[in-house]
C-alpha atoms as a PDB file:
ATOM      1  CA  MET A   1       0.000   0.000   0.000  1.00  0.00           C
ATOM      2  CA  SER A   2       1.366   3.415  -0.957  1.00  0.00           C
ATOM      3  CA  LEU A   3       1.476   6.085   1.686  1.00  0.00           C
ATOM      4  CA  HIS A   4       1.635   8.855  -0.896  1.00  0.00           C
ATOM      5  CA  ALA A   5      -1.390  10.701  -2.202  1.00  0.00           C
ATOM      6  CA  HIS A   6      -2.394  10.320  -5.792  1.00  0.00           C
ATOM      7  CA  ILE A   7      -2.072  13.564  -7.697  1.00  0.00           C
ATOM      8  CA  THR A   8      -5.412  14.434  -9.268  1.00  0.00           C
ATOM      9  CA  GLY A   9      -5.023  18.105 -10.093  1.00  0.00           C
ATOM     10  CA  PRO A  10      -3.470  19.674 -13.157  1.00  0.00           C
ATOM     11  CA  THR A  11       0.208  19.385 -13.967  1.00  0.00           C
ATOM     12  CA  LEU A  12       1.756  22.341 -15.745  1.00  0.00           C
ATOM     13  CA  THR A  13       5.028  22.182 -17.614  1.00  0.00           C
ATOM     14  CA  THR A  14       7.360  24.896 -18.770  1.00  0.00           C
ATOM     15  CA  GLU A  15      10.658  24.686 -20.602  1.00  0.00           C
ATOM     16  CA  ARG A  16      12.520  23.682 -17.420  1.00  0.00           C
ATOM     17  CA  LEU A  17       9.882  23.045 -14.747  1.00  0.00           C
ATOM     18  CA  THR A  18       6.973  20.859 -13.733  1.00  0.00           C
ATOM     19  CA  LEU A  19       4.270  22.375 -11.506  1.00  0.00           C
ATOM     20  CA  ARG A  20       2.027  19.905  -9.666  1.00  0.00           C
ATOM     21  CA  GLN A  21      -0.007  19.340  -6.525  1.00  0.00           C
ATOM     22  CA  PRO A  22       2.019  18.696  -3.376  1.00  0.00           C
ATOM     23  CA  VAL A  23       2.665  15.193  -2.058  1.00  0.00           C
ATOM     24  CA  MET A  24       4.029  14.078   1.299  1.00  0.00           C
ATOM     25  CA  ASP A  25       7.594  13.846  -0.041  1.00  0.00           C
ATOM     26  CA  ASP A  26       7.492  17.641  -0.477  1.00  0.00           C
ATOM     27  CA  PHE A  27       7.257  18.212   3.263  1.00  0.00           C
ATOM     28  CA  GLY A  28      10.978  17.607   3.921  1.00  0.00           C
ATOM     29  CA  PRO A  29      12.254  20.431   1.695  1.00  0.00           C
ATOM     30  CA  PHE A  30       9.347  22.637   2.830  1.00  0.00           C
ATOM     31  CA  ALA A  31      10.172  22.082   6.530  1.00  0.00           C
ATOM     32  CA  ALA A  32      13.884  22.645   5.905  1.00  0.00           C
ATOM     33  CA  TYR A  33      13.144  25.948   4.182  1.00  0.00           C
ATOM     34  CA  TYR A  34      10.625  27.124   6.784  1.00  0.00           C
ATOM     35  CA  GLY A  35      12.967  26.093   9.601  1.00  0.00           C
ATOM     36  CA  SER A  36      15.652  28.440   8.297  1.00  0.00           C
ATOM     37  CA  ASP A  37      16.159  32.179   8.489  1.00  0.00           C
ATOM     38  CA  ASP A  38      15.621  32.274   4.702  1.00  0.00           C
ATOM     39  CA  ALA A  39      11.877  32.033   5.404  1.00  0.00           C
ATOM     40  CA  GLY A  40      11.838  35.323   7.292  1.00  0.00           C
ATOM     41  CA  TRP A  41       9.959  37.184   4.538  1.00  0.00           C
ATOM     42  CA  VAL A  42       7.167  34.604   4.486  1.00  0.00           C
ATOM     43  CA  GLY A  43       6.388  34.038   8.151  1.00  0.00           C
ATOM     44  CA  GLY A  44       9.315  31.846   9.209  1.00  0.00           C
ATOM     45  CA  PRO A  45      11.289  30.427  10.679  1.00  0.00           C
ATOM     46  CA  LEU A  46       8.862  27.766  11.913  1.00  0.00           C
ATOM     47  CA  ASP A  47       9.249  24.663  14.038  1.00  0.00           C
ATOM     48  CA  ASP A  48       8.399  21.356  12.330  1.00  0.00           C
ATOM     49  CA  ARG A  49       4.956  21.103  13.931  1.00  0.00           C
ATOM     50  CA  THR A  50       3.910  24.533  12.707  1.00  0.00           C
ATOM     51  CA  ALA A  51       5.505  23.909   9.306  1.00  0.00           C
ATOM     52  CA  TYR A  52       3.445  20.726   8.992  1.00  0.00           C
ATOM     53  CA  ARG A  53       0.233  22.615   9.774  1.00  0.00           C
ATOM     54  CA  TRP A  54       1.084  25.200   7.120  1.00  0.00           C
ATOM     55  CA  PHE A  55       2.031  22.518   4.597  1.00  0.00           C
ATOM     56  CA  SER A  56      -1.185  20.619   5.305  1.00  0.00           C
ATOM     57  CA  ALA A  57      -3.268  23.766   4.891  1.00  0.00           C
ATOM     58  CA  MET A  58      -1.582  24.516   1.577  1.00  0.00           C
ATOM     59  CA  ALA A  59      -2.085  20.951   0.340  1.00  0.00           C
ATOM     60  CA  GLY A  60      -5.688  20.925   1.615  1.00  0.00           C
ATOM     61  CA  HIS A  61      -6.527  24.066  -0.343  1.00  0.00           C
ATOM     62  CA  TRP A  62      -6.679  21.814  -3.434  1.00  0.00           C
ATOM     63  CA  THR A  63      -9.349  19.637  -1.831  1.00  0.00           C
ATOM     64  CA  LEU A  64     -11.371  22.504  -0.430  1.00  0.00           C
ATOM     65  CA  LYS A  65     -11.208  24.910  -3.388  1.00  0.00           C
ATOM     66  CA  GLY A  66     -10.089  22.840  -6.373  1.00  0.00           C
ATOM     67  CA  TYR A  67      -6.862  24.813  -6.837  1.00  0.00           C
ATOM     68  CA  GLY A  68      -3.882  25.889  -4.807  1.00  0.00           C
ATOM     69  CA  TRP A  69      -0.129  26.009  -4.534  1.00  0.00           C
ATOM     70  CA  PHE A  70       1.794  24.106  -7.184  1.00  0.00           C
ATOM     71  CA  TRP A  71       4.996  22.416  -6.102  1.00  0.00           C
ATOM     72  CA  VAL A  72       7.755  23.153  -8.579  1.00  0.00           C
ATOM     73  CA  ASP A  73      10.274  20.555  -9.761  1.00  0.00           C
ATOM     74  CA  GLU A  74      13.174  21.030 -12.107  1.00  0.00           C
ATOM     75  CA  ARG A  75      12.350  18.795 -15.081  1.00  0.00           C
ATOM     76  CA  ASP A  76      15.915  17.615 -15.781  1.00  0.00           C
ATOM     77  CA  SER A  77      16.865  16.623 -12.229  1.00  0.00           C
ATOM     78  CA  GLY A  78      13.454  16.191 -10.588  1.00  0.00           C
ATOM     79  CA  ALA A  79      14.689  18.370  -7.715  1.00  0.00           C
ATOM     80  CA  SER A  80      12.096  20.344  -5.788  1.00  0.00           C
ATOM     81  CA  VAL A  81      12.841  24.039  -6.263  1.00  0.00           C
ATOM     82  CA  GLY A  82       9.917  25.631  -4.389  1.00  0.00           C
ATOM     83  CA  PHE A  83       6.217  26.328  -4.714  1.00  0.00           C
ATOM     84  CA  VAL A  84       4.063  28.884  -6.479  1.00  0.00           C
ATOM     85  CA  GLY A  85       0.419  29.409  -7.135  1.00  0.00           C
ATOM     86  CA  PRO A  86      -2.978  30.776  -6.368  1.00  0.00           C
ATOM     87  CA  HIS A  87      -4.616  30.608  -3.002  1.00  0.00           C
ATOM     88  CA  PHE A  88      -7.609  32.300  -1.472  1.00  0.00           C
ATOM     89  CA  PRO A  89      -8.087  31.600   2.231  1.00  0.00           C
ATOM     90  CA  PRO A  90     -11.184  33.132   3.813  1.00  0.00           C
ATOM     91  CA  HIS A  91      -9.265  35.870   5.657  1.00  0.00           C
ATOM     92  CA  VAL A  92      -7.977  37.670   2.516  1.00  0.00           C
ATOM     93  CA  ASP A  93      -9.751  39.937   0.041  1.00  0.00           C
ATOM     94  CA  ASP A  94      -8.503  38.578  -3.302  1.00  0.00           C
ATOM     95  CA  ILE A  95      -6.975  35.520  -4.908  1.00  0.00           C
ATOM     96  CA  GLU A  96      -3.244  35.774  -4.381  1.00  0.00           C
ATOM     97  CA  ILE A  97      -0.495  34.403  -6.554  1.00  0.00           C
ATOM     98  CA  GLY A  98       2.460  33.656  -4.320  1.00  0.00           C
ATOM     99  CA  TRP A  99       5.903  32.170  -4.801  1.00  0.00           C
ATOM    100  CA  VAL A 100       8.797  30.725  -2.876  1.00  0.00           C
ATOM    101  CA  ILE A 101      11.930  29.432  -4.560  1.00  0.00           C
ATOM    102  CA  TYR A 102      14.269  27.561  -2.249  1.00  0.00           C
ATOM    103  CA  PRO A 103      17.654  29.277  -1.743  1.00  0.00           C
ATOM    104  CA  GLN A 104      19.664  26.603  -3.562  1.00  0.00           C
ATOM    105  CA  ALA A 105      17.529  27.154  -6.695  1.00  0.00           C
ATOM    106  CA  GLN A 106      17.462  30.955  -6.687  1.00  0.00           C
ATOM    107  CA  GLY A 107      19.157  33.082  -9.325  1.00  0.00           C
ATOM    108  CA  ARG A 108      18.237  30.775 -12.204  1.00  0.00           C
ATOM    109  CA  GLY A 109      14.928  32.362 -13.293  1.00  0.00           C
ATOM    110  CA  PHE A 110      12.794  29.548 -11.866  1.00  0.00           C
ATOM    111  CA  GLY A 111      10.580  31.953  -9.905  1.00  0.00           C
ATOM    112  CA  HIS A 112       9.709  33.942 -13.005  1.00  0.00           C
ATOM    113  CA  GLU A 113       9.141  30.859 -15.146  1.00  0.00           C
ATOM    114  CA  ALA A 114       6.943  29.155 -12.534  1.00  0.00           C
ATOM    115  CA  ALA A 115       5.025  32.318 -11.633  1.00  0.00           C
ATOM    116  CA  ILE A 116       4.132  32.997 -15.275  1.00  0.00           C
ATOM    117  CA  ALA A 117       2.788  29.460 -15.687  1.00  0.00           C
ATOM    118  CA  ALA A 118       0.805  29.608 -12.438  1.00  0.00           C
ATOM    119  CA  ARG A 119      -0.489  33.122 -13.112  1.00  0.00           C
ATOM    120  CA  ASP A 120      -1.612  32.275 -16.644  1.00  0.00           C
ATOM    121  CA  TRP A 121      -3.302  29.059 -15.462  1.00  0.00           C
ATOM    122  CA  THR A 122      -5.038  31.002 -12.676  1.00  0.00           C
ATOM    123  CA  VAL A 123      -6.373  33.689 -14.989  1.00  0.00           C
ATOM    124  CA  LYS A 124      -7.547  31.203 -17.638  1.00  0.00           C
ATOM    125  CA  THR A 125      -8.987  28.645 -15.229  1.00  0.00           C
ATOM    126  CA  LEU A 126     -10.346  30.690 -12.336  1.00  0.00           C
ATOM    127  CA  GLY A 127     -11.142  33.982 -14.082  1.00  0.00           C
ATOM    128  CA  PRO A 128     -10.512  36.202 -11.050  1.00  0.00           C
ATOM    129  CA  GLU A 129     -11.752  39.775 -11.034  1.00  0.00           C
ATOM    130  CA  ARG A 130      -8.474  40.705  -9.397  1.00  0.00           C
ATOM    131  CA  LEU A 131      -5.203  38.834  -8.864  1.00  0.00           C
ATOM    132  CA  VAL A 132      -2.757  40.135  -6.299  1.00  0.00           C
ATOM    133  CA  SER A 133       0.436  39.329  -4.462  1.00  0.00           C
ATOM    134  CA  TYR A 134       0.962  40.365  -0.839  1.00  0.00           C
ATOM    135  CA  ILE A 135       4.599  41.360  -0.432  1.00  0.00           C
ATOM    136  CA  ASP A 136       6.593  42.682   2.509  1.00  0.00           C
ATOM    137  CA  PRO A 137       8.036  46.053   1.383  1.00  0.00           C
ATOM    138  CA  GLY A 138      11.521  44.908   2.445  1.00  0.00           C
ATOM    139  CA  ASN A 139      11.444  41.798   0.265  1.00  0.00           C
ATOM    140  CA  ALA A 140      13.337  43.219  -2.726  1.00  0.00           C
ATOM    141  CA  PRO A 141      13.598  39.934  -4.702  1.00  0.00           C
ATOM    142  CA  SER A 142       9.848  39.313  -4.469  1.00  0.00           C
ATOM    143  CA  LYS A 143       9.066  42.890  -5.476  1.00  0.00           C
ATOM    144  CA  ALA A 144      11.438  42.560  -8.444  1.00  0.00           C
ATOM    145  CA  LEU A 145       9.655  39.391  -9.570  1.00  0.00           C
ATOM    146  CA  ALA A 146       6.255  41.063  -9.187  1.00  0.00           C
ATOM    147  CA  ARG A 147       7.450  43.953 -11.377  1.00  0.00           C
ATOM    148  CA  LYS A 148       8.804  41.490 -13.954  1.00  0.00           C
ATOM    149  CA  LEU A 149       5.338  39.909 -14.047  1.00  0.00           C
ATOM    150  CA  GLY A 150       3.780  43.326 -14.709  1.00  0.00           C
ATOM    151  CA  ALA A 151       2.332  43.792 -11.220  1.00  0.00           C
ATOM    152  CA  THR A 152       2.212  47.235  -9.623  1.00  0.00           C
ATOM    153  CA  THR A 153       1.519  48.649  -6.197  1.00  0.00           C
ATOM    154  CA  ASP A 154       0.461  52.023  -4.913  1.00  0.00           C
ATOM    155  CA  GLY A 155       1.676  51.078  -1.438  1.00  0.00           C
ATOM    156  CA  THR A 156      -1.772  50.021  -0.192  1.00  0.00           C
ATOM    157  CA  ARG A 157      -1.426  47.593   2.702  1.00  0.00           C
ATOM    158  CA  ALA A 158      -3.200  44.251   2.885  1.00  0.00           C
ATOM    159  CA  ALA A 159      -6.252  44.317   5.155  1.00  0.00           C
ATOM    160  CA  HIS A 160      -5.260  40.970   6.704  1.00  0.00           C
ATOM    161  CA  ASP A 161      -1.569  41.905   7.140  1.00  0.00           C
ATOM    162  CA  ALA A 162      -0.638  45.574   7.435  1.00  0.00           C
ATOM    163  CA  GLY A 163       3.012  44.576   6.980  1.00  0.00           C
ATOM    164  CA  CYS A 164       2.433  43.640   3.345  1.00  0.00           C
ATOM    165  CA  GLU A 165       1.772  45.756   0.290  1.00  0.00           C
ATOM    166  CA  VAL A 166      -0.862  44.735  -2.249  1.00  0.00           C
ATOM    167  CA  TRP A 167       0.604  44.190  -5.723  1.00  0.00           C
ATOM    168  CA  GLN A 168      -2.015  43.901  -8.471  1.00  0.00           C
ATOM    169  CA  HIS A 169      -1.328  41.772 -11.546  1.00  0.00           C
ATOM    170  CA  PRO A 170      -2.637  42.670 -14.983  1.00  0.00           C
ATOM    171  CA  LEU A 171      -5.182  40.033 -15.969  1.00  0.00           C
ATOM    172  CA  GLU A 172      -4.643  40.513 -19.671  1.00  0.00           C
ATOM    173  CA  ALA A 173      -1.002  39.417 -19.335  1.00  0.00           C
ATOM    174  CA  ALA A 174      -2.167  35.809 -19.429  1.00  0.00           C
END
């Protein structure tokens, strides 16, 4: 008997990446990332118990809403490089497209490549009225990626997290 979930959601592919639903094997890299200081911009560092709750919530979003975070693998090596995708928990105002690329995979354009695929899938599949990213103003790499995706901000803060700016994505970009 397999202890791993069967992936039933969409799989997206780009030139170098595969984007898919999370499986239990993804928790190890996720916990390692969230246990480090590198996760400071996205709510970390976290202990393993809290990381597991977050991971489970992100994985469960697929069951509850029919979409969610895609886990991103490098196609050539199969290595997990991070996660990206749409999510819309009940405490936020808009569907958000978020991204995390693990430190060892940064600087190779994976964030941009994965975010484009996830953003385009989100716009085509979900048809949101608005698509945003919530970004800490000090997170220069995330802001640079948002700009590269065509997103803009006027400095408005997120209602659910006054520490984050709301970056709005153009829907016609997809």
